[in-house]
């Protein structure tokens, strides 16, 4: 009997060792904006693919791109496409795979105001330029159907740290105001002329919540989670649109004509379309087109399979978490880009 027990124990240990050896680990890092949906995807994917362990660290887009360039991560997350300088530093072709779309919303603290606040890109730009300083300014009142707006000062709130949110917000405003483009400009971190800064969405939200009259820019899912009021924004077709997963998806679909499987990184702010929310953007997973940086064929196959799942089955979870799923046509292009990934110049036989 003792011998049988020992043999059984050895067999169990061998099976456990075999299982451990079969386990595949993938490491990703980058953008904070998509972190909640990425963590949900990892959790759901691993329920049906228990031999694949995926770790995504929310360290910011810049950190993710740095990790990919230095080949310390298998994939990166970024809210902004890689710049020319970043692309050159990577040394090899990088594929931008859109995963979901999101929105930046103008959140406000307006005591005594009720109803739906409307703003235009031009007005938002003039607020951040210091040209519009009161909430009852004629320009704001003129588009809000005679709503009673308080005679209080506007305090613009902005990010003090470099962020994809600022990148999207400022790029949109450069399409709305030549003055904003010339004096503040677009980027992950810019010098605003007036107002109060805060670090991260949390910091901007704190400024808005604690300052009567404040206006700040935050991500849609963050505004909804924290029950912060935010305005509708006039789009290029002349409609005032409130950000939602559906109106952000519409903006993504509006950019389809500019996209190919070889170039998926496109701007979706200020897109045409009756229902398009104008301050929208894709967030991306970045991978090398040739996955030689991974140096393991099984890992490469696992990464391709996970990415394919994310842009197909994973999209069903996006709306639940206040992200906009990819429009079907965009998802198809993302799938085509994933199929084009290789290792050592040879196509990867993914488990699709």
Protein backbone atom coordinates (compact mmCIF):
# COMPACT_ATOMS: atom_id res chain seq x y z
CA UNK A 1 0.00 0.00 0.00
CA UNK A 2 2.81 2.40 0.92
CA UNK A 3 4.48 1.76 -2.43
CA UNK A 4 1.21 2.51 -4.24
CA UNK A 5 0.83 5.80 -2.34
CA UNK A 6 4.39 6.79 -3.23
CA UNK A 7 3.81 5.98 -6.90
CA UNK A 8 0.59 7.99 -6.89
CA UNK A 9 2.35 10.94 -5.27
CA UNK A 10 5.13 10.82 -7.84
CA UNK A 11 2.58 10.68 -10.65
CA UNK A 12 0.70 13.71 -9.25
CA UNK A 13 3.95 15.65 -8.92
CA UNK A 14 4.86 14.79 -12.48
CA UNK A 15 1.49 15.93 -13.75
CA UNK A 16 1.79 19.18 -11.79
CA UNK A 17 5.26 19.77 -13.17
CA UNK A 18 4.01 19.09 -16.68
CA UNK A 19 1.15 21.55 -16.21
CA UNK A 20 3.55 24.20 -14.92
CA UNK A 21 5.82 23.63 -17.90
CA UNK A 22 2.87 23.98 -20.26
CA UNK A 23 1.81 27.31 -18.77
CA UNK A 24 2.38 30.31 -21.06
CA UNK A 25 2.95 33.77 -19.59
CA UNK A 26 2.45 37.04 -21.46
CA UNK A 27 3.53 40.42 -20.12
CA UNK A 28 1.96 43.71 -21.19
CA UNK A 29 2.15 47.27 -19.90
CA UNK A 30 1.04 50.76 -20.82
CA UNK A 31 -2.00 53.01 -20.98
CA UNK A 32 -4.10 53.53 -17.86
CA UNK A 33 -7.31 54.42 -19.72
CA UNK A 34 -8.05 50.87 -20.98
CA UNK A 35 -6.76 49.15 -17.84
CA UNK A 36 -10.23 48.23 -16.46
CA UNK A 37 -11.36 46.56 -19.69
CA UNK A 38 -7.96 44.87 -20.17
CA UNK A 39 -8.11 43.41 -16.65
CA UNK A 40 -11.64 42.15 -17.33
CA UNK A 41 -10.51 40.62 -20.63
CA UNK A 42 -7.61 38.87 -18.95
CA UNK A 43 -9.89 37.47 -16.26
CA UNK A 44 -12.51 36.21 -18.73
CA UNK A 45 -9.98 34.85 -21.22
CA UNK A 46 -8.11 32.89 -18.58
CA UNK A 47 -11.33 31.18 -17.48
CA UNK A 48 -11.40 29.28 -20.77
CA UNK A 49 -7.63 29.30 -21.42
CA UNK A 50 -6.26 28.47 -17.99
CA UNK A 51 -2.82 27.58 -19.36
CA UNK A 52 -2.29 31.19 -20.52
CA UNK A 53 -1.39 33.73 -17.83
CA UNK A 54 -1.51 37.39 -18.86
CA UNK A 55 -0.26 40.29 -16.76
CA UNK A 56 -1.01 43.87 -17.81
CA UNK A 57 0.59 46.66 -15.79
CA UNK A 58 -1.08 50.09 -15.94
CA UNK A 59 1.98 52.36 -16.10
CA UNK A 60 1.01 54.90 -18.78
CA UNK A 61 1.33 54.94 -22.56
CA UNK A 62 4.90 56.23 -22.51
CA UNK A 63 6.03 53.49 -20.14
CA UNK A 64 4.39 50.84 -22.30
CA UNK A 65 6.07 52.10 -25.48
CA UNK A 66 9.41 52.20 -23.65
CA UNK A 67 8.92 48.60 -22.49
CA UNK A 68 8.09 47.42 -25.99
CA UNK A 69 11.06 49.28 -27.48
CA UNK A 70 13.39 47.75 -24.90
CA UNK A 71 11.70 44.35 -25.41
CA UNK A 72 10.89 43.95 -21.71
CA UNK A 73 7.18 43.40 -22.47
CA UNK A 74 5.42 41.29 -25.09
CA UNK A 75 2.86 43.98 -25.91
CA UNK A 76 2.15 47.58 -24.95
CA UNK A 77 -0.97 49.67 -24.49
CA UNK A 78 -1.15 53.25 -25.75
CA UNK A 79 -3.90 55.86 -26.10
CA UNK A 80 -1.82 57.78 -28.64
CA UNK A 81 -0.18 56.41 -31.79
CA UNK A 82 3.60 56.19 -31.62
CA UNK A 83 5.38 59.32 -32.78
CA UNK A 84 7.94 59.25 -35.59
CA UNK A 85 10.73 59.43 -33.01
CA UNK A 86 9.24 56.54 -31.00
CA UNK A 87 8.77 54.47 -34.15
CA UNK A 88 12.39 55.00 -35.17
CA UNK A 89 13.58 54.07 -31.67
CA UNK A 90 11.63 50.79 -31.82
CA UNK A 91 13.88 49.64 -34.65
CA UNK A 92 11.31 47.33 -36.22
CA UNK A 93 7.80 47.74 -37.61
CA UNK A 94 5.12 48.09 -34.92
CA UNK A 95 1.45 47.31 -35.51
CA UNK A 96 -1.22 49.44 -33.82
CA UNK A 97 -4.27 47.30 -33.06
CA UNK A 98 -7.34 49.28 -31.89
CA UNK A 99 -9.04 47.49 -29.02
CA UNK A 100 -11.85 49.79 -27.90
CA UNK A 101 -12.70 53.47 -28.28
CA UNK A 102 -13.25 56.02 -25.56
CA UNK A 103 -14.22 59.62 -25.06
CA UNK A 104 -12.96 62.68 -23.24
CA UNK A 105 -15.82 64.68 -21.74
CA UNK A 106 -16.08 68.26 -20.42
CA UNK A 107 -17.05 67.72 -16.78
CA UNK A 108 -18.43 70.65 -14.83
CA UNK A 109 -19.50 71.92 -11.41
CA UNK A 110 -22.31 74.42 -11.97
CA UNK A 111 -24.30 75.26 -8.81
CA UNK A 112 -27.97 75.97 -9.48
CA UNK A 113 -27.90 74.72 -13.06
CA UNK A 114 -30.21 71.94 -14.15
CA UNK A 115 -30.69 70.36 -17.53
CA UNK A 116 -28.30 69.37 -20.29
CA UNK A 117 -25.39 71.74 -20.73
CA UNK A 118 -24.23 72.27 -24.32
CA UNK A 119 -20.77 73.39 -25.37
CA UNK A 120 -18.87 73.78 -28.64
CA UNK A 121 -15.22 73.07 -29.30
CA UNK A 122 -14.64 76.77 -29.96
CA UNK A 123 -16.13 77.73 -26.60
CA UNK A 124 -14.10 75.10 -24.73
CA UNK A 125 -10.94 76.36 -26.43
CA UNK A 126 -11.74 79.96 -25.47
CA UNK A 127 -12.31 78.91 -21.86
CA UNK A 128 -8.87 77.27 -21.72
CA UNK A 129 -7.36 80.30 -23.46
CA UNK A 130 -8.86 82.57 -20.81
CA UNK A 131 -11.08 84.41 -23.29
CA UNK A 132 -14.37 83.20 -21.76
CA UNK A 133 -14.24 83.58 -18.00
CA UNK A 134 -17.86 83.51 -16.77
CA UNK A 135 -20.53 80.84 -17.06
CA UNK A 136 -23.18 83.36 -18.10
CA UNK A 137 -21.06 84.52 -21.05
CA UNK A 138 -23.24 85.34 -24.05
CA UNK A 139 -21.64 82.61 -26.18
CA UNK A 140 -22.51 79.88 -23.67
CA UNK A 141 -25.99 81.27 -23.01
CA UNK A 142 -26.66 81.54 -26.73
CA UNK A 143 -26.42 77.78 -27.36
CA UNK A 144 -28.22 76.73 -24.17
CA UNK A 145 -31.73 77.84 -25.11
CA UNK A 146 -32.07 80.56 -22.52
CA UNK A 147 -31.03 78.34 -19.60
CA UNK A 148 -30.31 80.16 -16.37
CA UNK A 149 -26.53 80.13 -16.08
CA UNK A 150 -24.89 81.40 -12.88
CA UNK A 151 -22.77 84.54 -12.85
CA UNK A 152 -19.69 82.80 -11.51
CA UNK A 153 -16.12 82.47 -12.74
CA UNK A 154 -15.02 79.45 -14.75
CA UNK A 155 -12.00 77.59 -13.37
CA UNK A 156 -10.46 75.41 -16.10
CA UNK A 157 -9.06 72.16 -14.69
CA UNK A 158 -6.30 70.29 -16.49
CA UNK A 159 -3.87 67.40 -16.18
CA UNK A 160 -0.42 68.17 -14.79
CA UNK A 161 0.97 64.79 -15.86
CA UNK A 162 1.57 63.60 -19.41
CA UNK A 163 -1.44 61.62 -20.59
CA UNK A 164 -3.29 60.20 -23.55
CA UNK A 165 -6.36 62.05 -22.28
CA UNK A 166 -4.61 65.40 -22.72
CA UNK A 167 -3.30 64.24 -26.11
CA UNK A 168 -6.84 63.58 -27.36
CA UNK A 169 -8.37 66.70 -25.78
CA UNK A 170 -5.74 69.12 -27.07
CA UNK A 171 -5.62 67.59 -30.54
CA UNK A 172 -9.39 68.02 -30.80
CA UNK A 173 -9.18 71.66 -29.67
CA UNK A 174 -6.54 72.43 -32.33
CA UNK A 175 -9.21 71.56 -34.91
CA UNK A 176 -11.57 74.07 -33.30
CA UNK A 177 -9.36 77.08 -32.68
CA UNK A 178 -6.38 78.42 -34.60
CA UNK A 179 -5.46 80.49 -31.54
CA UNK A 180 -5.41 77.37 -29.33
CA UNK A 181 -3.31 75.57 -31.95
CA UNK A 182 -0.79 78.42 -32.11
CA UNK A 183 -0.47 79.19 -28.40
CA UNK A 184 -1.12 75.97 -26.46
CA UNK A 185 -0.97 73.29 -29.12
CA UNK A 186 -1.43 69.53 -28.87
CA UNK A 187 0.46 66.89 -26.94
CA UNK A 188 0.46 64.51 -24.02
CA UNK A 189 1.53 67.41 -21.80
CA UNK A 190 1.08 71.10 -22.64
CA UNK A 191 1.28 74.43 -20.86
CA UNK A 192 -2.22 75.73 -20.18
CA UNK A 193 -2.62 79.47 -19.74
CA UNK A 194 -4.88 79.52 -16.70
CA UNK A 195 -6.81 77.36 -14.29
CA UNK A 196 -5.93 74.66 -11.78
CA UNK A 197 -4.07 71.43 -12.41
CA UNK A 198 -4.49 67.94 -11.00
CA UNK A 199 -2.62 64.67 -11.50
CA UNK A 200 -4.52 61.98 -13.35
CA UNK A 201 -8.25 61.74 -13.85
CA UNK A 202 -8.51 61.64 -10.07
CA UNK A 203 -6.80 65.00 -9.69
CA UNK A 204 -8.88 66.76 -12.34
CA UNK A 205 -12.05 65.26 -10.90
CA UNK A 206 -11.12 66.50 -7.42
CA UNK A 207 -10.64 70.04 -8.78
CA UNK A 208 -14.03 69.93 -10.52
CA UNK A 209 -15.87 68.49 -7.54
CA UNK A 210 -14.31 70.88 -5.02
CA UNK A 211 -14.46 74.08 -7.10
CA UNK A 212 -17.82 75.69 -7.92
CA UNK A 213 -17.64 76.89 -11.52
CA UNK A 214 -14.91 74.44 -12.57
CA UNK A 215 -14.71 72.81 -16.01
CA UNK A 216 -12.33 69.90 -16.56
CA UNK A 217 -11.68 67.13 -19.06
CA UNK A 218 -11.90 63.50 -17.94
CA UNK A 219 -12.48 60.13 -19.57
CA UNK A 220 -16.09 59.05 -20.06
CA UNK A 221 -15.91 55.85 -18.05
CA UNK A 222 -14.36 57.77 -15.16
CA UNK A 223 -17.04 60.49 -15.26
CA UNK A 224 -19.81 57.89 -15.24
CA UNK A 225 -18.26 55.87 -12.42
CA UNK A 226 -17.95 59.01 -10.28
CA UNK A 227 -21.35 60.47 -11.24
CA UNK A 228 -19.83 63.70 -12.57
CA UNK A 229 -21.98 65.94 -14.80
CA UNK A 230 -20.61 66.47 -18.31
CA UNK A 231 -21.74 68.49 -21.32
CA UNK A 232 -22.88 67.56 -24.80
CA UNK A 233 -20.50 68.82 -27.50
CA UNK A 234 -21.37 70.08 -30.97
CA UNK A 235 -20.00 67.79 -33.67
CA UNK A 236 -18.84 68.59 -37.18
CA UNK A 237 -22.34 67.93 -38.55
CA UNK A 238 -23.77 70.60 -36.24
CA UNK A 239 -25.43 68.26 -33.72
CA UNK A 240 -24.95 68.43 -29.97
CA UNK A 241 -23.99 64.89 -28.96
CA UNK A 242 -23.53 63.41 -25.50
CA UNK A 243 -20.72 60.89 -25.10
CA UNK A 244 -21.81 57.26 -24.81
CA UNK A 245 -20.46 53.94 -26.06
CA UNK A 246 -22.81 54.20 -29.06
CA UNK A 247 -21.81 57.75 -30.06
CA UNK A 248 -18.11 56.95 -29.64
CA UNK A 249 -18.49 53.82 -31.79
CA UNK A 250 -20.12 56.04 -34.42
CA UNK A 251 -17.01 58.24 -34.45
CA UNK A 252 -14.84 55.17 -34.96
CA UNK A 253 -16.98 54.01 -37.85
CA UNK A 254 -16.69 57.49 -39.37
CA UNK A 255 -12.91 57.04 -39.67
CA UNK A 256 -13.17 53.71 -41.48
CA UNK A 257 -12.35 55.19 -44.89
CA UNK A 258 -8.91 56.21 -43.59
CA UNK A 259 -8.05 52.76 -42.23
CA UNK A 260 -6.40 49.70 -43.73
CA UNK A 261 -5.10 46.51 -42.11
CA UNK A 262 -1.60 47.98 -42.58
CA UNK A 263 -2.48 51.30 -40.94
CA UNK A 264 -5.05 51.24 -38.18
CA UNK A 265 -3.80 54.24 -36.18
CA UNK A 266 -6.16 57.07 -37.14
CA UNK A 267 -7.65 60.09 -35.41
CA UNK A 268 -11.35 59.74 -34.64
CA UNK A 269 -11.90 63.10 -33.01
CA UNK A 270 -14.00 65.60 -34.98
CA UNK A 271 -15.40 62.88 -37.25
CA UNK A 272 -18.45 63.43 -39.42
CA UNK A 273 -21.67 61.57 -38.69
CA UNK A 274 -24.97 62.64 -37.17
CA UNK A 275 -24.41 60.65 -33.98
CA UNK A 276 -20.60 60.93 -33.73
CA UNK A 277 -19.24 62.27 -30.45
CA UNK A 278 -16.44 64.66 -31.42
CA UNK A 279 -13.84 64.09 -28.66
CA UNK A 280 -13.32 60.37 -29.26
CA UNK A 281 -10.25 58.21 -29.72
CA UNK A 282 -9.13 54.62 -30.13
CA UNK A 283 -6.81 53.02 -27.61
CA UNK A 284 -4.30 50.55 -29.02
CA UNK A 285 -2.33 47.42 -28.26
CA UNK A 286 1.10 47.75 -29.83
CA UNK A 287 3.08 44.72 -30.98
CA UNK A 288 6.01 44.19 -33.29
CA UNK A 289 4.86 43.02 -36.70
CA UNK A 290 7.45 40.27 -36.43
CA UNK A 291 7.24 38.79 -32.92
CA UNK A 292 10.87 37.73 -32.71
CA UNK A 293 11.12 39.82 -29.52
CA UNK A 294 9.09 37.10 -27.79
CA UNK A 295 11.57 34.32 -28.72
CA UNK A 296 9.02 31.58 -28.01
CA UNK A 297 6.68 30.22 -30.67
CA UNK A 298 4.07 29.10 -28.11
CA UNK A 299 4.01 32.57 -26.54
CA UNK A 300 3.67 34.18 -29.95
CA UNK A 301 0.73 31.90 -30.78
CA UNK A 302 -0.86 32.64 -27.39
CA UNK A 303 -0.53 36.40 -27.89
CA UNK A 304 -2.09 36.24 -31.36
CA UNK A 305 -4.96 34.11 -30.07
CA UNK A 306 -5.62 36.51 -27.17
CA UNK A 307 -5.57 39.58 -29.42
CA UNK A 308 -7.95 37.91 -31.85
CA UNK A 309 -10.31 37.09 -28.96
CA UNK A 310 -10.11 40.69 -27.68
CA UNK A 311 -11.28 42.22 -30.98
CA UNK A 312 -14.06 39.63 -31.39
CA UNK A 313 -15.61 38.02 -28.31
CA UNK A 314 -14.02 40.56 -25.97
CA UNK A 315 -15.95 43.39 -27.61
CA UNK A 316 -19.15 42.14 -25.98
CA UNK A 317 -17.81 43.27 -22.61
CA UNK A 318 -16.88 46.80 -23.69
CA UNK A 319 -20.30 48.44 -23.35
CA UNK A 320 -20.79 46.95 -19.89
CA UNK A 321 -17.74 48.91 -18.75
CA UNK A 322 -18.61 52.19 -20.53
CA UNK A 323 -16.13 51.69 -23.36
CA UNK A 324 -17.20 51.79 -27.00
CA UNK A 325 -16.80 48.50 -28.87
CA UNK A 326 -15.15 48.59 -32.26
CA UNK A 327 -17.50 49.01 -35.19
CA UNK A 328 -17.75 45.63 -37.01
CA UNK A 329 -15.80 46.92 -40.01
CA UNK A 330 -13.01 48.22 -37.77
CA UNK A 331 -12.91 44.92 -35.84
CA UNK A 332 -12.52 43.06 -39.16
CA UNK A 333 -9.54 45.23 -40.12
CA UNK A 334 -8.02 44.60 -36.67
CA UNK A 335 -8.41 40.84 -37.23
CA UNK A 336 -6.70 41.15 -40.60
CA UNK A 337 -3.79 43.01 -38.98
CA UNK A 338 -3.45 40.30 -36.33
CA UNK A 339 -3.41 37.61 -39.02
CA UNK A 340 -0.53 39.49 -40.61
CA UNK A 341 1.75 39.09 -37.58
CA UNK A 342 4.73 36.82 -38.10
CA UNK A 343 7.68 35.27 -36.31
CA UNK A 344 10.99 35.01 -38.09
CA UNK A 345 9.22 36.09 -41.24
CA UNK A 346 6.79 33.17 -41.11
CA UNK A 347 3.02 33.51 -40.41
CA UNK A 348 1.96 32.52 -36.92
CA UNK A 349 -0.48 29.62 -36.82
CA UNK A 350 -2.75 31.09 -34.18
CA UNK A 351 -5.42 29.20 -32.33
CA UNK A 352 -8.27 31.21 -33.83
